[in-house]
Amino acid sequence: MDGHTESKQALLAGSVMTLHPSCCTVDTPITRVAQLMVLQDCGEIPIVRDEHSRVPIGVVTDRDIVCRLIAKGLNPLEQTAQSCMSEPAITVDEEKPIADVLALMEKHQIRRVPVVNARGECVGMISQADLAWTGSRKEVAELVREISRESEDSSR
């Protein structure tokens, strides 16, 4: 194994995550969730128990809004995050190696994952794009293939 490969394996979730993600609560209007997605240029907002603890209990993705609200004829202007969030939140600890992050995302077929600290607070987000810059071509290809395979609920 060369040094370049070893350094990739030593990377931890905290070193590749996007810091300080916007979070919402179950009572946050969907319009605000969508606005935060635009402001943060992202497709997923963690839903936290409360604004102080920032412990994720679910997530809302752009796909959740489309498939669970709009496609069902519900008016998103009248909905909150609770009405379409995916739960429970699947998270990864900031101290986990990237290989563990890849395995978790593959197992759950998710494109993004909130990163938590030792207290369980949301401190970052990791997306496929973040991993594309750090993982080997083989690892990234495997992640994309596994996430893209058909599942019962592929809303994340």
N, C-alpha and C. Protein backbone atom coordinates (compact mmCIF):
# COMPACT_ATOMS: atom_id res chain seq x y z
N MET A 1 0.84 -1.18 0.00
CA MET A 1 0.00 0.00 0.00
C MET A 1 0.89 1.24 0.00
N ASP A 2 0.63 2.18 -0.89
CA ASP A 2 1.44 3.38 -0.93
C ASP A 2 0.95 4.40 0.09
N GLY A 3 1.76 5.41 0.37
CA GLY A 3 1.41 6.42 1.36
C GLY A 3 0.15 7.19 1.02
N HIS A 4 -0.10 7.40 -0.28
CA HIS A 4 -1.29 8.14 -0.71
C HIS A 4 -2.56 7.39 -0.33
N THR A 5 -2.56 6.08 -0.53
CA THR A 5 -3.72 5.26 -0.18
C THR A 5 -3.91 5.23 1.33
N GLU A 6 -2.82 5.10 2.07
CA GLU A 6 -2.92 5.07 3.53
C GLU A 6 -3.50 6.37 4.07
N SER A 7 -3.11 7.51 3.49
CA SER A 7 -3.62 8.78 4.00
C SER A 7 -5.12 8.90 3.77
N LYS A 8 -5.61 8.34 2.66
CA LYS A 8 -7.04 8.36 2.41
C LYS A 8 -7.78 7.52 3.45
N GLN A 9 -7.21 6.37 3.79
CA GLN A 9 -7.87 5.50 4.77
C GLN A 9 -7.87 6.13 6.16
N ALA A 10 -6.91 7.00 6.44
CA ALA A 10 -6.82 7.62 7.76
C ALA A 10 -7.78 8.80 7.91
N LEU A 11 -8.36 9.26 6.81
CA LEU A 11 -9.28 10.39 6.89
C LEU A 11 -10.49 10.03 7.75
N LEU A 12 -10.91 11.00 8.54
CA LEU A 12 -12.09 10.82 9.38
C LEU A 12 -13.23 11.67 8.85
N ALA A 13 -14.44 11.31 9.24
CA ALA A 13 -15.63 12.03 8.78
C ALA A 13 -15.50 13.53 9.03
N GLY A 14 -14.99 13.90 10.20
CA GLY A 14 -14.86 15.31 10.54
C GLY A 14 -13.95 16.09 9.63
N SER A 15 -13.05 15.41 8.92
CA SER A 15 -12.11 16.12 8.04
C SER A 15 -12.66 16.39 6.65
N VAL A 16 -13.77 15.75 6.29
CA VAL A 16 -14.33 15.97 4.95
C VAL A 16 -15.73 16.58 4.99
N MET A 17 -16.29 16.73 6.16
CA MET A 17 -17.67 17.23 6.27
C MET A 17 -17.74 18.72 5.98
N THR A 18 -18.92 19.15 5.57
CA THR A 18 -19.24 20.57 5.47
C THR A 18 -19.65 21.01 6.87
N LEU A 19 -18.98 22.03 7.38
CA LEU A 19 -19.22 22.49 8.75
C LEU A 19 -20.49 23.33 8.88
N HIS A 20 -21.02 23.36 10.09
CA HIS A 20 -22.11 24.25 10.49
C HIS A 20 -23.34 24.16 9.58
N PRO A 21 -23.91 22.99 9.42
CA PRO A 21 -25.09 22.89 8.57
C PRO A 21 -26.29 23.60 9.21
N SER A 22 -27.14 24.14 8.37
CA SER A 22 -28.40 24.69 8.87
C SER A 22 -29.26 23.53 9.33
N CYS A 23 -29.92 23.68 10.46
CA CYS A 23 -30.82 22.66 10.99
C CYS A 23 -32.18 23.29 11.26
N CYS A 24 -33.20 22.46 11.28
CA CYS A 24 -34.56 22.91 11.57
C CYS A 24 -35.17 21.98 12.61
N THR A 25 -36.34 22.38 13.11
CA THR A 25 -37.09 21.53 14.02
C THR A 25 -38.33 21.01 13.29
N VAL A 26 -39.06 20.11 13.93
CA VAL A 26 -40.25 19.54 13.30
C VAL A 26 -41.30 20.61 12.98
N ASP A 27 -41.28 21.73 13.71
CA ASP A 27 -42.26 22.79 13.51
C ASP A 27 -41.87 23.81 12.44
N THR A 28 -40.68 23.67 11.88
CA THR A 28 -40.23 24.62 10.86
C THR A 28 -41.07 24.48 9.60
N PRO A 29 -41.61 25.59 9.08
CA PRO A 29 -42.38 25.51 7.82
C PRO A 29 -41.51 24.98 6.68
N ILE A 30 -42.11 24.19 5.81
CA ILE A 30 -41.38 23.62 4.67
C ILE A 30 -40.81 24.73 3.79
N THR A 31 -41.50 25.85 3.69
CA THR A 31 -40.95 26.95 2.90
C THR A 31 -39.60 27.40 3.45
N ARG A 32 -39.45 27.41 4.77
CA ARG A 32 -38.16 27.79 5.38
C ARG A 32 -37.12 26.72 5.12
N VAL A 33 -37.51 25.46 5.21
CA VAL A 33 -36.58 24.36 4.92
C VAL A 33 -36.05 24.50 3.50
N ALA A 34 -36.96 24.74 2.54
CA ALA A 34 -36.57 24.89 1.14
C ALA A 34 -35.67 26.11 0.95
N GLN A 35 -35.98 27.20 1.63
CA GLN A 35 -35.15 28.40 1.54
C GLN A 35 -33.73 28.12 2.03
N LEU A 36 -33.62 27.36 3.11
CA LEU A 36 -32.30 27.00 3.64
C LEU A 36 -31.53 26.12 2.65
N MET A 37 -32.24 25.23 1.97
CA MET A 37 -31.59 24.40 0.94
C MET A 37 -30.98 25.29 -0.15
N VAL A 38 -31.73 26.32 -0.55
CA VAL A 38 -31.23 27.24 -1.57
C VAL A 38 -30.04 28.03 -1.03
N LEU A 39 -30.17 28.59 0.17
CA LEU A 39 -29.10 29.38 0.76
C LEU A 39 -27.82 28.57 0.98
N GLN A 40 -27.98 27.33 1.40
CA GLN A 40 -26.83 26.48 1.69
C GLN A 40 -26.38 25.66 0.48
N ASP A 41 -27.11 25.78 -0.63
CA ASP A 41 -26.82 25.01 -1.85
C ASP A 41 -26.69 23.52 -1.51
N CYS A 42 -27.75 23.01 -0.88
CA CYS A 42 -27.74 21.61 -0.47
C CYS A 42 -29.11 20.98 -0.72
N GLY A 43 -29.18 19.68 -0.59
CA GLY A 43 -30.43 18.97 -0.83
C GLY A 43 -30.99 18.28 0.39
N GLU A 44 -30.42 18.57 1.57
CA GLU A 44 -30.90 17.92 2.79
C GLU A 44 -30.67 18.84 3.98
N ILE A 45 -31.68 18.93 4.83
CA ILE A 45 -31.59 19.71 6.06
C ILE A 45 -31.88 18.77 7.23
N PRO A 46 -30.95 18.67 8.20
CA PRO A 46 -31.23 17.86 9.38
C PRO A 46 -32.35 18.48 10.21
N ILE A 47 -33.20 17.61 10.74
CA ILE A 47 -34.26 18.04 11.65
C ILE A 47 -33.81 17.63 13.06
N VAL A 48 -33.71 18.60 13.94
CA VAL A 48 -33.17 18.37 15.28
C VAL A 48 -34.27 18.43 16.33
N ARG A 49 -34.01 17.78 17.46
CA ARG A 49 -34.97 17.74 18.56
C ARG A 49 -35.34 19.14 19.01
N ASP A 50 -34.33 19.98 19.20
CA ASP A 50 -34.56 21.39 19.52
C ASP A 50 -33.32 22.17 19.10
N GLU A 51 -33.48 23.48 19.01
CA GLU A 51 -32.41 24.32 18.49
C GLU A 51 -31.18 24.35 19.39
N HIS A 52 -31.35 24.04 20.66
CA HIS A 52 -30.22 24.10 21.59
C HIS A 52 -29.39 22.82 21.58
N SER A 53 -30.04 21.68 21.53
CA SER A 53 -29.29 20.43 21.57
C SER A 53 -28.73 20.05 20.21
N ARG A 54 -29.44 20.40 19.14
CA ARG A 54 -29.05 20.08 17.76
C ARG A 54 -28.85 18.58 17.54
N VAL A 55 -29.59 17.76 18.28
CA VAL A 55 -29.53 16.31 18.11
C VAL A 55 -30.48 15.92 16.99
N PRO A 56 -29.96 15.36 15.89
CA PRO A 56 -30.82 15.01 14.76
C PRO A 56 -31.81 13.90 15.08
N ILE A 57 -33.07 14.13 14.66
CA ILE A 57 -34.10 13.10 14.80
C ILE A 57 -34.62 12.66 13.44
N GLY A 58 -34.28 13.41 12.41
CA GLY A 58 -34.69 13.09 11.05
C GLY A 58 -34.02 14.04 10.08
N VAL A 59 -34.39 13.94 8.81
CA VAL A 59 -33.89 14.85 7.78
C VAL A 59 -35.02 15.15 6.81
N VAL A 60 -34.93 16.28 6.15
CA VAL A 60 -35.81 16.58 5.02
C VAL A 60 -34.92 16.78 3.81
N THR A 61 -35.22 16.03 2.75
CA THR A 61 -34.50 16.18 1.50
C THR A 61 -35.40 16.88 0.49
N ASP A 62 -34.77 17.37 -0.56
CA ASP A 62 -35.56 17.98 -1.63
C ASP A 62 -36.52 16.94 -2.20
N ARG A 63 -36.08 15.71 -2.28
CA ARG A 63 -36.93 14.62 -2.78
C ARG A 63 -38.10 14.34 -1.82
N ASP A 64 -37.87 14.44 -0.51
CA ASP A 64 -38.96 14.27 0.46
C ASP A 64 -40.08 15.27 0.19
N ILE A 65 -39.70 16.52 -0.06
CA ILE A 65 -40.69 17.57 -0.30
C ILE A 65 -41.50 17.25 -1.55
N VAL A 66 -40.83 16.82 -2.60
CA VAL A 66 -41.52 16.53 -3.86
C VAL A 66 -42.38 15.28 -3.74
N CYS A 67 -41.80 14.19 -3.23
CA CYS A 67 -42.52 12.90 -3.22
C CYS A 67 -43.57 12.77 -2.12
N ARG A 68 -43.32 13.38 -0.97
CA ARG A 68 -44.24 13.20 0.15
C ARG A 68 -45.25 14.33 0.31
N LEU A 69 -45.02 15.44 -0.39
CA LEU A 69 -45.97 16.55 -0.30
C LEU A 69 -46.56 16.88 -1.67
N ILE A 70 -45.75 17.39 -2.54
CA ILE A 70 -46.24 17.91 -3.83
C ILE A 70 -46.89 16.81 -4.66
N ALA A 71 -46.25 15.64 -4.77
CA ALA A 71 -46.80 14.55 -5.57
C ALA A 71 -48.12 14.03 -5.00
N LYS A 72 -48.35 14.25 -3.71
CA LYS A 72 -49.59 13.82 -3.08
C LYS A 72 -50.65 14.93 -3.04
N GLY A 73 -50.33 16.04 -3.70
CA GLY A 73 -51.30 17.13 -3.78
C GLY A 73 -51.39 17.98 -2.53
N LEU A 74 -50.44 17.82 -1.61
CA LEU A 74 -50.45 18.65 -0.40
C LEU A 74 -49.79 19.99 -0.68
N ASN A 75 -50.30 21.03 -0.09
CA ASN A 75 -49.76 22.36 -0.29
C ASN A 75 -48.55 22.55 0.62
N PRO A 76 -47.34 22.66 0.06
CA PRO A 76 -46.15 22.81 0.91
C PRO A 76 -46.17 24.10 1.73
N LEU A 77 -46.95 25.08 1.30
CA LEU A 77 -47.04 26.34 2.05
C LEU A 77 -47.74 26.15 3.39
N GLU A 78 -48.46 25.03 3.53
CA GLU A 78 -49.20 24.75 4.75
C GLU A 78 -48.58 23.64 5.59
N GLN A 79 -47.39 23.19 5.22
CA GLN A 79 -46.78 22.03 5.87
C GLN A 79 -45.55 22.42 6.69
N THR A 80 -45.20 21.52 7.62
CA THR A 80 -43.99 21.68 8.42
C THR A 80 -43.03 20.54 8.10
N ALA A 81 -41.82 20.65 8.62
CA ALA A 81 -40.81 19.62 8.38
C ALA A 81 -41.31 18.24 8.81
N GLN A 82 -42.07 18.19 9.87
CA GLN A 82 -42.57 16.91 10.37
C GLN A 82 -43.43 16.18 9.34
N SER A 83 -44.11 16.91 8.48
CA SER A 83 -45.03 16.30 7.52
C SER A 83 -44.34 15.51 6.42
N CYS A 84 -43.04 15.69 6.24
CA CYS A 84 -42.39 14.96 5.15
C CYS A 84 -40.99 14.45 5.49
N MET A 85 -40.57 14.60 6.74
CA MET A 85 -39.19 14.22 7.07
C MET A 85 -39.00 12.71 7.07
N SER A 86 -37.79 12.31 6.76
CA SER A 86 -37.38 10.91 6.86
C SER A 86 -36.84 10.71 8.26
N GLU A 87 -37.32 9.66 8.91
CA GLU A 87 -36.85 9.38 10.27
C GLU A 87 -36.75 7.89 10.49
N PRO A 88 -35.91 7.46 11.41
CA PRO A 88 -35.01 8.26 12.25
C PRO A 88 -33.83 8.79 11.44
N ALA A 89 -33.12 9.75 12.02
CA ALA A 89 -31.93 10.28 11.36
C ALA A 89 -30.84 9.22 11.38
N ILE A 90 -30.25 9.00 10.24
CA ILE A 90 -29.08 8.13 10.15
C ILE A 90 -27.89 9.07 10.19
N THR A 91 -27.05 8.92 11.20
CA THR A 91 -25.93 9.84 11.39
C THR A 91 -24.62 9.06 11.47
N VAL A 92 -23.54 9.81 11.38
CA VAL A 92 -22.21 9.23 11.53
C VAL A 92 -21.41 10.10 12.50
N ASP A 93 -20.62 9.47 13.32
CA ASP A 93 -19.78 10.18 14.28
C ASP A 93 -18.61 10.84 13.55
N GLU A 94 -18.24 12.04 13.97
CA GLU A 94 -17.17 12.78 13.31
C GLU A 94 -15.81 12.08 13.40
N GLU A 95 -15.68 11.13 14.32
CA GLU A 95 -14.42 10.40 14.48
C GLU A 95 -14.35 9.10 13.67
N LYS A 96 -15.40 8.79 12.91
CA LYS A 96 -15.42 7.56 12.12
C LYS A 96 -14.57 7.70 10.87
N PRO A 97 -13.87 6.64 10.49
CA PRO A 97 -13.10 6.66 9.24
C PRO A 97 -14.03 6.77 8.03
N ILE A 98 -13.51 7.33 6.96
CA ILE A 98 -14.28 7.50 5.73
C ILE A 98 -14.82 6.16 5.24
N ALA A 99 -14.08 5.08 5.41
CA ALA A 99 -14.56 3.76 4.99
C ALA A 99 -15.87 3.42 5.69
N ASP A 100 -16.01 3.78 6.96
CA ASP A 100 -17.25 3.54 7.70
C ASP A 100 -18.39 4.42 7.18
N VAL A 101 -18.06 5.65 6.80
CA VAL A 101 -19.07 6.55 6.24
C VAL A 101 -19.60 5.98 4.93
N LEU A 102 -18.68 5.54 4.07
CA LEU A 102 -19.07 4.94 2.80
C LEU A 102 -19.97 3.73 3.03
N ALA A 103 -19.59 2.86 3.96
CA ALA A 103 -20.37 1.65 4.24
C ALA A 103 -21.76 2.00 4.75
N LEU A 104 -21.86 3.00 5.62
CA LEU A 104 -23.15 3.42 6.16
C LEU A 104 -24.05 3.97 5.05
N MET A 105 -23.49 4.80 4.20
CA MET A 105 -24.28 5.39 3.12
C MET A 105 -24.73 4.32 2.13
N GLU A 106 -23.87 3.36 1.86
CA GLU A 106 -24.24 2.26 0.97
C GLU A 106 -25.36 1.42 1.59
N LYS A 107 -25.18 1.06 2.85
CA LYS A 107 -26.16 0.21 3.54
C LYS A 107 -27.55 0.84 3.54
N HIS A 108 -27.62 2.13 3.80
CA HIS A 108 -28.91 2.81 3.92
C HIS A 108 -29.35 3.50 2.63
N GLN A 109 -28.53 3.39 1.59
CA GLN A 109 -28.82 4.01 0.29
C GLN A 109 -29.13 5.49 0.42
N ILE A 110 -28.24 6.21 1.10
CA ILE A 110 -28.43 7.64 1.29
C ILE A 110 -27.30 8.41 0.62
N ARG A 111 -27.63 9.58 0.12
CA ARG A 111 -26.67 10.42 -0.61
C ARG A 111 -25.98 11.44 0.28
N ARG A 112 -26.55 11.66 1.46
CA ARG A 112 -26.00 12.63 2.40
C ARG A 112 -26.20 12.08 3.81
N VAL A 113 -25.31 12.48 4.72
CA VAL A 113 -25.46 12.01 6.10
C VAL A 113 -25.01 13.11 7.07
N PRO A 114 -25.85 13.39 8.08
CA PRO A 114 -25.43 14.33 9.12
C PRO A 114 -24.29 13.73 9.96
N VAL A 115 -23.37 14.59 10.35
CA VAL A 115 -22.23 14.19 11.18
C VAL A 115 -22.46 14.74 12.58
N VAL A 116 -22.28 13.88 13.58
CA VAL A 116 -22.51 14.28 14.97
C VAL A 116 -21.23 14.19 15.79
N ASN A 117 -21.19 14.99 16.85
CA ASN A 117 -20.05 14.93 17.77
C ASN A 117 -20.36 13.92 18.88
N ALA A 118 -19.49 13.86 19.88
CA ALA A 118 -19.65 12.89 20.96
C ALA A 118 -20.94 13.09 21.76
N ARG A 119 -21.49 14.30 21.75
CA ARG A 119 -22.75 14.58 22.46
C ARG A 119 -23.97 14.32 21.58
N GLY A 120 -23.74 13.88 20.35
CA GLY A 120 -24.83 13.59 19.43
C GLY A 120 -25.36 14.81 18.70
N GLU A 121 -24.66 15.94 18.80
CA GLU A 121 -25.09 17.18 18.16
C GLU A 121 -24.63 17.23 16.70
N CYS A 122 -25.47 17.74 15.85
CA CYS A 122 -25.14 17.86 14.43
C CYS A 122 -24.08 18.94 14.24
N VAL A 123 -22.91 18.55 13.74
CA VAL A 123 -21.81 19.49 13.55
C VAL A 123 -21.39 19.60 12.09
N GLY A 124 -21.95 18.75 11.23
CA GLY A 124 -21.57 18.79 9.82
C GLY A 124 -22.45 17.91 8.97
N MET A 125 -22.16 17.92 7.67
CA MET A 125 -22.85 17.07 6.71
C MET A 125 -21.81 16.52 5.74
N ILE A 126 -22.04 15.29 5.32
CA ILE A 126 -21.20 14.69 4.28
C ILE A 126 -22.12 14.28 3.15
N SER A 127 -21.73 14.65 1.94
CA SER A 127 -22.50 14.28 0.75
C SER A 127 -21.65 13.40 -0.16
N GLN A 128 -22.30 12.82 -1.16
CA GLN A 128 -21.55 12.06 -2.17
C GLN A 128 -20.43 12.90 -2.74
N ALA A 129 -20.71 14.16 -3.02
CA ALA A 129 -19.69 15.03 -3.62
C ALA A 129 -18.48 15.19 -2.71
N ASP A 130 -18.71 15.30 -1.39
CA ASP A 130 -17.59 15.40 -0.46
C ASP A 130 -16.71 14.16 -0.55
N LEU A 131 -17.34 13.00 -0.66
CA LEU A 131 -16.61 11.75 -0.72
C LEU A 131 -15.93 11.54 -2.06
N ALA A 132 -16.50 12.11 -3.11
CA ALA A 132 -15.90 11.98 -4.44
C ALA A 132 -14.50 12.58 -4.48
N TRP A 133 -14.28 13.59 -3.66
CA TRP A 133 -12.96 14.25 -3.64
C TRP A 133 -11.96 13.51 -2.75
N THR A 134 -12.43 12.60 -1.90
CA THR A 134 -11.52 11.95 -0.95
C THR A 134 -11.36 10.45 -1.17
N GLY A 135 -12.39 9.80 -1.67
CA GLY A 135 -12.34 8.35 -1.84
C GLY A 135 -11.66 7.94 -3.13
N SER A 136 -11.32 6.68 -3.20
CA SER A 136 -10.76 6.16 -4.45
C SER A 136 -11.87 6.08 -5.48
N ARG A 137 -11.50 5.99 -6.75
CA ARG A 137 -12.52 5.88 -7.81
C ARG A 137 -13.38 4.65 -7.58
N LYS A 138 -12.76 3.56 -7.14
CA LYS A 138 -13.51 2.32 -6.90
C LYS A 138 -14.52 2.52 -5.77
N GLU A 139 -14.08 3.16 -4.67
CA GLU A 139 -14.98 3.38 -3.53
C GLU A 139 -16.17 4.27 -3.93
N VAL A 140 -15.88 5.32 -4.65
CA VAL A 140 -16.94 6.25 -5.05
C VAL A 140 -17.90 5.58 -6.03
N ALA A 141 -17.35 4.80 -6.97
CA ALA A 141 -18.21 4.08 -7.92
C ALA A 141 -19.11 3.10 -7.19
N GLU A 142 -18.57 2.40 -6.21
CA GLU A 142 -19.36 1.44 -5.42
C GLU A 142 -20.46 2.18 -4.65
N LEU A 143 -20.13 3.33 -4.06
CA LEU A 143 -21.12 4.11 -3.32
C LEU A 143 -22.26 4.53 -4.24
N VAL A 144 -21.93 5.08 -5.40
CA VAL A 144 -22.96 5.53 -6.33
C VAL A 144 -23.81 4.36 -6.79
N ARG A 145 -23.18 3.23 -7.08
CA ARG A 145 -23.94 2.05 -7.52
C ARG A 145 -24.89 1.57 -6.43
N GLU A 146 -24.43 1.45 -5.20
CA GLU A 146 -25.26 0.96 -4.10
C GLU A 146 -26.39 1.92 -3.75
N ILE A 147 -26.10 3.20 -3.75
CA ILE A 147 -27.13 4.19 -3.44
C ILE A 147 -28.20 4.21 -4.52
N SER A 148 -27.78 3.97 -5.76
CA SER A 148 -28.69 4.07 -6.90
C SER A 148 -29.52 2.82 -7.14
N ARG A 149 -29.20 1.72 -6.47
CA ARG A 149 -29.99 0.51 -6.70
C ARG A 149 -31.40 0.73 -6.16
N GLU A 150 -32.33 0.05 -6.76
CA GLU A 150 -33.74 0.24 -6.40
C GLU A 150 -34.00 -0.21 -4.96
N SER A 151 -34.81 0.55 -4.27
CA SER A 151 -35.17 0.21 -2.89
C SER A 151 -36.65 0.50 -2.67
N GLU A 152 -37.15 0.07 -1.52
CA GLU A 152 -38.56 0.32 -1.17
C GLU A 152 -38.82 1.80 -0.97
N ASP A 153 -37.90 2.51 -0.29
CA ASP A 153 -38.07 3.94 -0.04
C ASP A 153 -36.76 4.64 -0.33
N SER A 154 -36.61 5.15 -1.53
CA SER A 154 -35.36 5.79 -1.92
C SER A 154 -35.47 7.31 -1.87
N SER A 155 -36.15 7.83 -0.86
CA SER A 155 -36.36 9.26 -0.77
C SER A 155 -35.14 10.03 -0.27
N ARG A 156 -34.20 9.38 0.32
CA ARG A 156 -33.03 10.09 0.81
C ARG A 156 -31.96 10.08 -0.24
